């Protein structure tokens, strides 16, 4: 998370509990450079079209704005689940950042993700399950971490909430970069 100090002269990078001051000019330059990277967010869906809205909205609220959303419908053709998903996705027909693609037949989560990758245009790939949501800074923080550390792949900590929004558990992963 970035905090702008009085007068807008410095920003505190507190994303990894490090306190690093950078000038606003350098931050703006870095942010513009980072925004050039398109992130393809792939959301496979199967029998849960009613869950998609929260997942999609969590991406649309991102602080990082250069993304595309690829909804991969993994329902079998001619099923009510496919029809429900098609009906739901019509509301996004004019949204240029969202693409809806359909698997020829149900293949499972891994096959749906791979199908999404084949259709992705992004420099980076991110996955989101249809019943999950991203925190608002997820894409920005993760991409910055990857660029700063010259990583090809990464994953984030996990926070699981119950249906009432109460914390069930949190899993903090260690930095596995051997060079650090």
N, C-alpha and C. Protein backbone atom coordinates (compact mmCIF):
# COMPACT_ATOMS: atom_id res chain seq x y z
N UNK A 1 0.85 -1.17 0.00
CA UNK A 1 0.00 0.00 0.00
C UNK A 1 0.90 1.23 0.00
N UNK A 2 0.51 2.23 -0.73
CA UNK A 2 1.29 3.44 -0.83
C UNK A 2 0.60 4.55 -0.06
N UNK A 3 1.36 5.24 0.76
CA UNK A 3 0.84 6.34 1.54
C UNK A 3 1.49 7.61 1.06
N UNK A 4 0.70 8.61 0.73
CA UNK A 4 1.25 9.89 0.29
C UNK A 4 1.36 10.78 1.52
N UNK A 5 2.57 11.32 1.71
CA UNK A 5 2.81 12.16 2.86
C UNK A 5 2.48 13.61 2.54
N UNK A 6 2.42 14.42 3.58
CA UNK A 6 2.07 15.83 3.47
C UNK A 6 2.85 16.50 2.34
N UNK A 7 2.13 17.26 1.54
CA UNK A 7 2.76 17.96 0.43
C UNK A 7 2.95 17.07 -0.78
N UNK A 8 2.66 15.81 -0.65
CA UNK A 8 2.80 14.90 -1.78
C UNK A 8 4.23 14.68 -2.21
N UNK A 9 5.18 14.82 -1.30
CA UNK A 9 6.57 14.74 -1.71
C UNK A 9 7.16 13.34 -1.65
N UNK A 10 6.60 12.48 -0.85
CA UNK A 10 7.13 11.12 -0.73
C UNK A 10 6.00 10.11 -0.58
N UNK A 11 6.33 8.91 -0.94
CA UNK A 11 5.38 7.81 -0.82
C UNK A 11 6.07 6.69 -0.07
N UNK A 12 5.36 6.10 0.84
CA UNK A 12 5.89 4.99 1.63
C UNK A 12 5.40 3.69 1.03
N UNK A 13 6.34 2.83 0.66
CA UNK A 13 5.99 1.51 0.13
C UNK A 13 5.96 0.55 1.31
N UNK A 14 4.77 0.18 1.74
CA UNK A 14 4.62 -0.69 2.90
C UNK A 14 4.03 -2.03 2.50
N UNK A 15 4.24 -2.45 1.24
CA UNK A 15 3.62 -3.67 0.76
C UNK A 15 4.23 -4.92 1.36
N UNK A 16 5.47 -4.83 1.79
CA UNK A 16 6.13 -6.01 2.35
C UNK A 16 6.78 -5.67 3.69
N UNK A 17 6.13 -4.78 4.42
CA UNK A 17 6.63 -4.34 5.72
C UNK A 17 8.02 -3.73 5.62
N UNK A 18 8.33 -3.15 4.47
CA UNK A 18 9.58 -2.43 4.30
C UNK A 18 9.22 -0.96 4.18
N UNK A 19 10.07 -0.11 4.69
CA UNK A 19 9.81 1.31 4.63
C UNK A 19 10.84 1.92 3.68
N UNK A 20 10.40 2.15 2.45
CA UNK A 20 11.27 2.67 1.41
C UNK A 20 10.63 3.94 0.88
N UNK A 21 11.35 5.05 0.96
CA UNK A 21 10.83 6.30 0.47
C UNK A 21 11.28 6.50 -0.97
N UNK A 22 10.32 6.88 -1.83
CA UNK A 22 10.64 7.21 -3.21
C UNK A 22 9.94 8.52 -3.53
N UNK A 23 10.48 9.26 -4.47
CA UNK A 23 9.87 10.54 -4.81
C UNK A 23 8.59 10.30 -5.59
N UNK A 24 7.68 11.26 -5.53
CA UNK A 24 6.43 11.14 -6.28
C UNK A 24 6.72 11.04 -7.77
N UNK A 25 7.72 11.78 -8.26
CA UNK A 25 8.06 11.74 -9.68
C UNK A 25 8.51 10.32 -10.07
N UNK A 26 9.37 9.70 -9.24
CA UNK A 26 9.82 8.34 -9.54
C UNK A 26 8.69 7.34 -9.44
N UNK A 27 7.81 7.55 -8.46
CA UNK A 27 6.66 6.66 -8.30
C UNK A 27 5.76 6.74 -9.52
N UNK A 28 5.46 7.96 -9.97
CA UNK A 28 4.60 8.15 -11.13
C UNK A 28 5.23 7.52 -12.37
N UNK A 29 6.52 7.72 -12.55
CA UNK A 29 7.23 7.14 -13.69
C UNK A 29 7.16 5.61 -13.64
N UNK A 30 7.41 5.04 -12.46
CA UNK A 30 7.36 3.59 -12.29
C UNK A 30 5.95 3.06 -12.52
N UNK A 31 4.95 3.76 -12.01
CA UNK A 31 3.56 3.32 -12.16
C UNK A 31 3.14 3.32 -13.63
N UNK A 32 3.55 4.35 -14.38
CA UNK A 32 3.23 4.38 -15.81
C UNK A 32 3.91 3.21 -16.53
N UNK A 33 5.16 2.93 -16.15
CA UNK A 33 5.88 1.81 -16.76
C UNK A 33 5.17 0.49 -16.42
N UNK A 34 4.81 0.31 -15.17
CA UNK A 34 4.14 -0.92 -14.74
C UNK A 34 2.80 -1.10 -15.43
N UNK A 35 2.08 -0.01 -15.69
CA UNK A 35 0.75 -0.09 -16.30
C UNK A 35 0.80 -0.57 -17.74
N UNK A 36 1.99 -0.63 -18.34
CA UNK A 36 2.10 -1.11 -19.71
C UNK A 36 1.87 -2.61 -19.78
N UNK A 37 2.05 -3.31 -18.68
CA UNK A 37 1.90 -4.77 -18.65
C UNK A 37 0.43 -5.15 -18.54
N UNK A 38 -0.08 -5.82 -19.57
CA UNK A 38 -1.46 -6.30 -19.54
C UNK A 38 -1.52 -7.60 -18.73
N UNK A 39 -2.46 -7.65 -17.80
CA UNK A 39 -2.67 -8.86 -17.01
C UNK A 39 -3.99 -9.49 -17.46
N UNK A 40 -3.92 -10.75 -17.85
CA UNK A 40 -5.12 -11.51 -18.21
C UNK A 40 -5.57 -12.26 -16.97
N UNK A 41 -6.76 -11.93 -16.47
CA UNK A 41 -7.32 -12.62 -15.31
C UNK A 41 -8.32 -13.65 -15.84
N UNK A 42 -8.03 -14.90 -15.58
CA UNK A 42 -8.84 -16.01 -16.09
C UNK A 42 -9.73 -16.54 -14.98
N UNK A 43 -11.03 -16.55 -15.25
CA UNK A 43 -12.01 -17.04 -14.28
C UNK A 43 -12.74 -18.23 -14.90
N UNK A 44 -12.38 -19.46 -14.52
CA UNK A 44 -13.18 -20.60 -14.98
C UNK A 44 -14.46 -20.67 -14.15
N UNK A 45 -15.55 -21.05 -14.80
CA UNK A 45 -16.81 -21.17 -14.06
C UNK A 45 -17.53 -22.46 -14.44
N UNK A 46 -18.10 -23.08 -13.43
CA UNK A 46 -18.82 -24.34 -13.62
C UNK A 46 -19.96 -24.41 -12.61
N UNK A 47 -21.17 -24.36 -13.10
CA UNK A 47 -22.38 -24.49 -12.28
C UNK A 47 -22.51 -23.42 -11.19
N UNK A 48 -21.90 -22.24 -11.40
CA UNK A 48 -21.98 -21.21 -10.37
C UNK A 48 -22.08 -19.81 -10.98
N UNK A 49 -22.91 -19.63 -11.97
CA UNK A 49 -23.02 -18.31 -12.60
C UNK A 49 -23.43 -17.23 -11.60
N UNK A 50 -24.16 -17.62 -10.57
CA UNK A 50 -24.60 -16.64 -9.56
C UNK A 50 -23.44 -16.09 -8.74
N UNK A 51 -22.30 -16.74 -8.77
CA UNK A 51 -21.13 -16.29 -8.01
C UNK A 51 -20.24 -15.34 -8.82
N UNK A 52 -20.41 -15.32 -10.13
CA UNK A 52 -19.50 -14.57 -11.00
C UNK A 52 -19.48 -13.07 -10.75
N UNK A 53 -20.60 -12.49 -10.41
CA UNK A 53 -20.67 -11.04 -10.27
C UNK A 53 -19.66 -10.52 -9.25
N UNK A 54 -19.56 -11.16 -8.09
CA UNK A 54 -18.61 -10.71 -7.07
C UNK A 54 -17.17 -10.87 -7.55
N UNK A 55 -16.87 -11.96 -8.23
CA UNK A 55 -15.52 -12.17 -8.74
C UNK A 55 -15.17 -11.08 -9.77
N UNK A 56 -16.06 -10.86 -10.71
CA UNK A 56 -15.82 -9.84 -11.75
C UNK A 56 -15.68 -8.46 -11.13
N UNK A 57 -16.58 -8.11 -10.22
CA UNK A 57 -16.52 -6.79 -9.59
C UNK A 57 -15.23 -6.58 -8.81
N UNK A 58 -14.71 -7.64 -8.20
CA UNK A 58 -13.46 -7.49 -7.45
C UNK A 58 -12.30 -7.17 -8.38
N UNK A 59 -12.37 -7.58 -9.62
CA UNK A 59 -11.33 -7.23 -10.59
C UNK A 59 -11.55 -5.81 -11.10
N UNK A 60 -12.79 -5.46 -11.33
CA UNK A 60 -13.10 -4.11 -11.84
C UNK A 60 -12.75 -3.03 -10.82
N UNK A 61 -12.61 -3.39 -9.55
CA UNK A 61 -12.25 -2.42 -8.50
C UNK A 61 -10.74 -2.32 -8.29
N UNK A 62 -9.95 -3.01 -9.09
CA UNK A 62 -8.51 -3.04 -8.89
C UNK A 62 -7.88 -1.66 -9.07
N UNK A 63 -6.84 -1.39 -8.27
CA UNK A 63 -6.06 -0.17 -8.43
C UNK A 63 -5.21 -0.25 -9.70
N UNK A 64 -4.87 -1.44 -10.13
CA UNK A 64 -4.15 -1.66 -11.39
C UNK A 64 -5.21 -1.84 -12.47
N UNK A 65 -5.17 -1.01 -13.49
CA UNK A 65 -6.28 -0.95 -14.44
C UNK A 65 -6.01 -1.60 -15.79
N UNK A 66 -4.79 -2.04 -16.06
CA UNK A 66 -4.50 -2.62 -17.37
C UNK A 66 -4.66 -4.15 -17.28
N UNK A 67 -5.90 -4.57 -17.37
CA UNK A 67 -6.22 -5.99 -17.27
C UNK A 67 -7.30 -6.34 -18.29
N UNK A 68 -7.41 -7.62 -18.55
CA UNK A 68 -8.55 -8.16 -19.27
C UNK A 68 -9.09 -9.30 -18.42
N UNK A 69 -10.39 -9.52 -18.49
CA UNK A 69 -11.03 -10.60 -17.75
C UNK A 69 -11.52 -11.62 -18.77
N UNK A 70 -11.12 -12.85 -18.58
CA UNK A 70 -11.57 -13.92 -19.47
C UNK A 70 -12.39 -14.90 -18.64
N UNK A 71 -13.68 -14.94 -18.92
CA UNK A 71 -14.58 -15.89 -18.26
C UNK A 71 -14.62 -17.14 -19.13
N UNK A 72 -14.22 -18.27 -18.55
CA UNK A 72 -14.22 -19.54 -19.29
C UNK A 72 -15.37 -20.39 -18.77
N UNK A 73 -16.39 -20.56 -19.60
CA UNK A 73 -17.57 -21.35 -19.24
C UNK A 73 -17.24 -22.82 -19.45
N UNK A 74 -17.14 -23.56 -18.35
CA UNK A 74 -16.79 -24.98 -18.40
C UNK A 74 -18.02 -25.88 -18.28
N UNK A 75 -19.20 -25.29 -18.42
CA UNK A 75 -20.43 -26.10 -18.40
C UNK A 75 -20.61 -26.81 -19.74
N UNK A 76 -21.21 -27.98 -19.69
CA UNK A 76 -21.51 -28.69 -20.93
C UNK A 76 -22.54 -27.90 -21.74
N UNK A 77 -22.39 -27.91 -23.06
CA UNK A 77 -23.40 -27.26 -23.90
C UNK A 77 -24.78 -27.91 -23.66
N UNK A 78 -25.81 -27.17 -23.95
CA UNK A 78 -27.19 -27.65 -23.85
C UNK A 78 -27.61 -28.00 -22.42
N UNK A 79 -26.93 -27.44 -21.43
CA UNK A 79 -27.35 -27.63 -20.04
C UNK A 79 -27.93 -26.32 -19.52
N UNK A 80 -28.72 -26.41 -18.49
CA UNK A 80 -29.26 -25.20 -17.86
C UNK A 80 -28.14 -24.33 -17.30
N UNK A 81 -27.07 -24.96 -16.81
CA UNK A 81 -25.95 -24.19 -16.26
C UNK A 81 -25.29 -23.34 -17.34
N UNK A 82 -25.13 -23.88 -18.55
CA UNK A 82 -24.57 -23.10 -19.66
C UNK A 82 -25.51 -21.96 -20.01
N UNK A 83 -26.79 -22.26 -20.09
CA UNK A 83 -27.78 -21.22 -20.43
C UNK A 83 -27.80 -20.11 -19.38
N UNK A 84 -27.71 -20.49 -18.11
CA UNK A 84 -27.70 -19.49 -17.03
C UNK A 84 -26.46 -18.61 -17.12
N UNK A 85 -25.32 -19.22 -17.43
CA UNK A 85 -24.09 -18.44 -17.54
C UNK A 85 -24.15 -17.52 -18.76
N UNK A 86 -24.65 -18.03 -19.87
CA UNK A 86 -24.81 -17.19 -21.07
C UNK A 86 -25.71 -15.99 -20.78
N UNK A 87 -26.81 -16.25 -20.11
CA UNK A 87 -27.75 -15.18 -19.77
C UNK A 87 -27.08 -14.15 -18.86
N UNK A 88 -26.37 -14.63 -17.84
CA UNK A 88 -25.68 -13.72 -16.93
C UNK A 88 -24.64 -12.88 -17.66
N UNK A 89 -23.87 -13.48 -18.55
CA UNK A 89 -22.77 -12.78 -19.22
C UNK A 89 -23.24 -11.74 -20.22
N UNK A 90 -24.50 -11.77 -20.61
CA UNK A 90 -25.02 -10.76 -21.55
C UNK A 90 -24.88 -9.36 -21.00
N UNK A 91 -24.91 -9.21 -19.69
CA UNK A 91 -24.79 -7.87 -19.10
C UNK A 91 -23.40 -7.27 -19.31
N UNK A 92 -22.43 -8.11 -19.67
CA UNK A 92 -21.06 -7.63 -19.90
C UNK A 92 -20.70 -7.61 -21.39
N UNK A 93 -21.67 -7.78 -22.25
CA UNK A 93 -21.42 -7.89 -23.69
C UNK A 93 -20.71 -6.66 -24.26
N UNK A 94 -20.94 -5.50 -23.71
CA UNK A 94 -20.34 -4.26 -24.21
C UNK A 94 -19.11 -3.82 -23.43
N UNK A 95 -18.68 -4.62 -22.49
CA UNK A 95 -17.49 -4.29 -21.69
C UNK A 95 -16.26 -4.81 -22.42
N UNK A 96 -15.45 -3.90 -22.93
CA UNK A 96 -14.28 -4.28 -23.73
C UNK A 96 -13.22 -5.04 -22.94
N UNK A 97 -13.26 -4.94 -21.63
CA UNK A 97 -12.25 -5.63 -20.80
C UNK A 97 -12.64 -7.07 -20.47
N UNK A 98 -13.87 -7.46 -20.82
CA UNK A 98 -14.35 -8.79 -20.45
C UNK A 98 -14.63 -9.60 -21.71
N UNK A 99 -14.06 -10.81 -21.75
CA UNK A 99 -14.36 -11.74 -22.83
C UNK A 99 -14.96 -13.01 -22.23
N UNK A 100 -15.98 -13.50 -22.87
CA UNK A 100 -16.67 -14.72 -22.44
C UNK A 100 -16.42 -15.79 -23.49
N UNK A 101 -15.78 -16.87 -23.08
CA UNK A 101 -15.51 -17.98 -24.00
C UNK A 101 -16.08 -19.26 -23.40
N UNK A 102 -16.42 -20.19 -24.29
CA UNK A 102 -17.10 -21.42 -23.85
C UNK A 102 -16.25 -22.63 -24.22
N UNK A 103 -16.08 -23.51 -23.26
CA UNK A 103 -15.42 -24.79 -23.53
C UNK A 103 -16.36 -25.62 -24.41
N UNK A 104 -15.80 -26.41 -25.33
CA UNK A 104 -16.66 -27.27 -26.16
C UNK A 104 -17.41 -28.31 -25.34
N UNK A 105 -16.81 -28.73 -24.23
CA UNK A 105 -17.45 -29.63 -23.28
C UNK A 105 -16.75 -29.46 -21.94
N UNK A 106 -17.37 -29.93 -20.88
CA UNK A 106 -16.77 -29.82 -19.56
C UNK A 106 -15.43 -30.54 -19.53
N UNK A 107 -14.40 -29.83 -19.07
CA UNK A 107 -13.07 -30.44 -19.02
C UNK A 107 -12.44 -30.37 -17.64
N UNK A 108 -13.09 -29.65 -16.71
CA UNK A 108 -12.52 -29.50 -15.38
C UNK A 108 -11.74 -28.19 -15.27
N UNK A 109 -11.42 -27.84 -14.04
CA UNK A 109 -10.76 -26.56 -13.76
C UNK A 109 -9.46 -26.33 -14.49
N UNK A 110 -8.57 -27.35 -14.51
CA UNK A 110 -7.27 -27.18 -15.16
C UNK A 110 -7.43 -26.97 -16.66
N UNK A 111 -8.30 -27.75 -17.30
CA UNK A 111 -8.53 -27.60 -18.74
C UNK A 111 -9.13 -26.23 -19.05
N UNK A 112 -10.04 -25.76 -18.21
CA UNK A 112 -10.65 -24.45 -18.42
C UNK A 112 -9.60 -23.34 -18.28
N UNK A 113 -8.70 -23.45 -17.30
CA UNK A 113 -7.64 -22.46 -17.14
C UNK A 113 -6.71 -22.46 -18.37
N UNK A 114 -6.34 -23.65 -18.83
CA UNK A 114 -5.49 -23.74 -20.02
C UNK A 114 -6.18 -23.17 -21.25
N UNK A 115 -7.47 -23.40 -21.38
CA UNK A 115 -8.25 -22.85 -22.48
C UNK A 115 -8.23 -21.31 -22.40
N UNK A 116 -8.36 -20.80 -21.20
CA UNK A 116 -8.28 -19.35 -21.00
C UNK A 116 -6.92 -18.79 -21.37
N UNK A 117 -5.86 -19.51 -21.02
CA UNK A 117 -4.50 -19.07 -21.36
C UNK A 117 -4.35 -18.97 -22.87
N UNK A 118 -4.90 -19.92 -23.60
CA UNK A 118 -4.81 -19.90 -25.07
C UNK A 118 -5.46 -18.65 -25.66
N UNK A 119 -6.45 -18.11 -24.98
CA UNK A 119 -7.17 -16.93 -25.48
C UNK A 119 -6.65 -15.63 -24.86
N UNK A 120 -5.71 -15.72 -23.95
CA UNK A 120 -5.21 -14.55 -23.24
C UNK A 120 -4.29 -13.71 -24.12
N UNK A 121 -4.37 -12.41 -23.95
CA UNK A 121 -3.50 -11.47 -24.66
C UNK A 121 -2.47 -10.83 -23.73
N UNK A 122 -2.56 -11.12 -22.45
CA UNK A 122 -1.75 -10.43 -21.46
C UNK A 122 -0.29 -10.85 -21.42
N UNK A 123 0.49 -9.95 -20.82
CA UNK A 123 1.90 -10.23 -20.54
C UNK A 123 2.02 -11.13 -19.32
N UNK A 124 1.00 -11.07 -18.46
CA UNK A 124 0.96 -11.88 -17.24
C UNK A 124 -0.41 -12.53 -17.14
N UNK A 125 -0.45 -13.68 -16.48
CA UNK A 125 -1.69 -14.44 -16.29
C UNK A 125 -1.99 -14.49 -14.80
N UNK A 126 -3.24 -14.26 -14.44
CA UNK A 126 -3.70 -14.43 -13.06
C UNK A 126 -4.96 -15.28 -13.10
N UNK A 127 -5.16 -16.06 -12.06
CA UNK A 127 -6.34 -16.92 -11.97
C UNK A 127 -7.20 -16.49 -10.80
N UNK A 128 -8.51 -16.59 -10.99
CA UNK A 128 -9.46 -16.30 -9.93
C UNK A 128 -10.61 -17.29 -10.08
N UNK A 129 -10.92 -18.02 -9.02
CA UNK A 129 -12.06 -18.93 -9.07
C UNK A 129 -13.35 -18.12 -9.05
N UNK A 130 -14.40 -18.67 -9.62
CA UNK A 130 -15.66 -17.93 -9.76
C UNK A 130 -16.32 -17.59 -8.42
N UNK A 131 -15.95 -18.28 -7.37
CA UNK A 131 -16.55 -17.99 -6.06
C UNK A 131 -15.59 -17.25 -5.14
N UNK A 132 -14.50 -16.72 -5.70
CA UNK A 132 -13.52 -15.97 -4.91
C UNK A 132 -13.49 -14.52 -5.35
N UNK A 133 -12.78 -13.70 -4.57
CA UNK A 133 -12.64 -12.27 -4.87
C UNK A 133 -11.21 -11.85 -4.59
N UNK A 134 -10.75 -10.84 -5.33
CA UNK A 134 -9.44 -10.23 -5.08
C UNK A 134 -9.61 -9.03 -4.17
N UNK A 135 -8.60 -8.78 -3.33
CA UNK A 135 -8.52 -7.50 -2.64
C UNK A 135 -8.18 -6.45 -3.69
N UNK A 136 -8.54 -5.20 -3.44
CA UNK A 136 -8.44 -4.14 -4.45
C UNK A 136 -7.04 -3.89 -4.99
N UNK A 137 -6.01 -4.17 -4.22
CA UNK A 137 -4.63 -3.89 -4.67
C UNK A 137 -3.90 -5.14 -5.12
N UNK A 138 -4.57 -6.26 -5.23
CA UNK A 138 -3.92 -7.53 -5.52
C UNK A 138 -3.06 -7.50 -6.78
N UNK A 139 -3.62 -7.07 -7.89
CA UNK A 139 -2.87 -7.08 -9.15
C UNK A 139 -1.68 -6.13 -9.09
N UNK A 140 -1.89 -4.94 -8.56
CA UNK A 140 -0.81 -3.95 -8.47
C UNK A 140 0.33 -4.44 -7.58
N UNK A 141 0.00 -4.92 -6.41
CA UNK A 141 1.03 -5.36 -5.47
C UNK A 141 1.79 -6.56 -6.02
N UNK A 142 1.08 -7.52 -6.57
CA UNK A 142 1.74 -8.73 -7.07
C UNK A 142 2.62 -8.42 -8.28
N UNK A 143 2.14 -7.61 -9.21
CA UNK A 143 2.95 -7.27 -10.38
C UNK A 143 4.18 -6.48 -9.97
N UNK A 144 4.03 -5.52 -9.07
CA UNK A 144 5.18 -4.74 -8.59
C UNK A 144 6.22 -5.66 -7.96
N UNK A 145 5.76 -6.59 -7.13
CA UNK A 145 6.68 -7.54 -6.49
C UNK A 145 7.42 -8.36 -7.54
N UNK A 146 6.70 -8.83 -8.54
CA UNK A 146 7.33 -9.65 -9.58
C UNK A 146 8.33 -8.84 -10.39
N UNK A 147 7.99 -7.62 -10.75
CA UNK A 147 8.91 -6.79 -11.53
C UNK A 147 10.13 -6.40 -10.71
N UNK A 148 9.91 -5.99 -9.46
CA UNK A 148 11.02 -5.60 -8.59
C UNK A 148 12.00 -6.74 -8.35
N UNK A 149 11.49 -7.97 -8.31
CA UNK A 149 12.32 -9.13 -8.00
C UNK A 149 12.65 -9.98 -9.24
N UNK A 150 12.25 -9.48 -10.41
CA UNK A 150 12.52 -10.17 -11.68
C UNK A 150 12.05 -11.62 -11.65
N UNK A 151 10.79 -11.80 -11.25
CA UNK A 151 10.21 -13.13 -11.14
C UNK A 151 9.31 -13.44 -12.33
N UNK A 152 9.28 -14.69 -12.72
CA UNK A 152 8.40 -15.14 -13.79
C UNK A 152 7.05 -15.60 -13.26
N UNK A 153 7.00 -15.99 -12.00
CA UNK A 153 5.77 -16.49 -11.39
C UNK A 153 5.77 -16.14 -9.91
N UNK A 154 4.58 -16.03 -9.35
CA UNK A 154 4.46 -15.77 -7.91
C UNK A 154 3.05 -16.14 -7.47
N UNK A 155 2.85 -16.19 -6.16
CA UNK A 155 1.52 -16.38 -5.60
C UNK A 155 1.41 -15.53 -4.36
N UNK A 156 0.20 -15.30 -3.93
CA UNK A 156 -0.06 -14.36 -2.84
C UNK A 156 -0.50 -15.11 -1.58
N UNK A 157 -0.52 -14.37 -0.49
CA UNK A 157 -1.06 -14.90 0.75
C UNK A 157 -2.55 -15.19 0.56
N UNK A 158 -3.09 -15.98 1.45
CA UNK A 158 -4.48 -16.42 1.34
C UNK A 158 -5.26 -15.97 2.57
N UNK A 159 -6.42 -15.38 2.33
CA UNK A 159 -7.31 -14.97 3.40
C UNK A 159 -8.67 -15.60 3.10
N UNK A 160 -9.22 -16.34 4.04
CA UNK A 160 -10.51 -17.01 3.83
C UNK A 160 -11.50 -16.45 4.84
N UNK A 161 -12.62 -15.95 4.29
CA UNK A 161 -13.69 -15.40 5.11
C UNK A 161 -14.91 -16.31 5.03
N UNK A 162 -15.72 -16.29 6.08
CA UNK A 162 -16.97 -17.05 6.02
C UNK A 162 -18.02 -16.22 5.28
N UNK A 163 -19.22 -16.75 5.16
CA UNK A 163 -20.27 -16.08 4.42
C UNK A 163 -20.70 -14.75 5.02
N UNK A 164 -20.33 -14.50 6.30
CA UNK A 164 -20.64 -13.24 6.96
C UNK A 164 -19.49 -12.25 6.91
N UNK A 165 -18.41 -12.62 6.22
CA UNK A 165 -17.25 -11.73 6.10
C UNK A 165 -16.28 -11.81 7.26
N UNK A 166 -16.44 -12.80 8.13
CA UNK A 166 -15.53 -12.96 9.27
C UNK A 166 -14.35 -13.85 8.87
N UNK A 167 -13.19 -13.49 9.38
CA UNK A 167 -11.98 -14.24 9.07
C UNK A 167 -12.07 -15.67 9.59
N UNK A 168 -11.90 -16.63 8.68
CA UNK A 168 -11.83 -18.04 9.06
C UNK A 168 -10.37 -18.42 9.29
N UNK A 169 -9.51 -18.06 8.33
CA UNK A 169 -8.07 -18.25 8.52
C UNK A 169 -7.30 -17.43 7.51
N UNK A 170 -6.03 -17.25 7.81
CA UNK A 170 -5.11 -16.52 6.94
C UNK A 170 -3.86 -17.35 6.80
N UNK A 171 -3.37 -17.49 5.60
CA UNK A 171 -2.15 -18.24 5.34
C UNK A 171 -1.13 -17.29 4.72
N UNK A 172 -0.05 -17.02 5.44
CA UNK A 172 1.02 -16.18 4.93
C UNK A 172 2.14 -17.07 4.43
N UNK A 173 2.46 -16.92 3.16
CA UNK A 173 3.51 -17.72 2.55
C UNK A 173 4.85 -17.00 2.67
N UNK A 174 5.89 -17.77 2.79
CA UNK A 174 7.24 -17.21 2.89
C UNK A 174 7.74 -16.89 1.48
N UNK A 175 8.74 -16.03 1.44
CA UNK A 175 9.41 -15.70 0.18
C UNK A 175 10.35 -16.86 -0.15
N UNK A 176 10.05 -17.55 -1.24
CA UNK A 176 10.85 -18.71 -1.61
C UNK A 176 11.95 -18.37 -2.61
N UNK A 177 12.17 -17.08 -2.87
CA UNK A 177 13.21 -16.67 -3.80
C UNK A 177 14.57 -16.97 -3.17
N UNK A 178 15.30 -17.90 -3.74
CA UNK A 178 16.58 -18.35 -3.16
C UNK A 178 17.64 -17.28 -3.18
N UNK A 179 17.50 -16.27 -4.05
CA UNK A 179 18.51 -15.23 -4.15
C UNK A 179 18.34 -14.16 -3.09
N UNK A 180 17.27 -14.18 -2.35
CA UNK A 180 17.00 -13.12 -1.36
C UNK A 180 17.41 -13.57 0.02
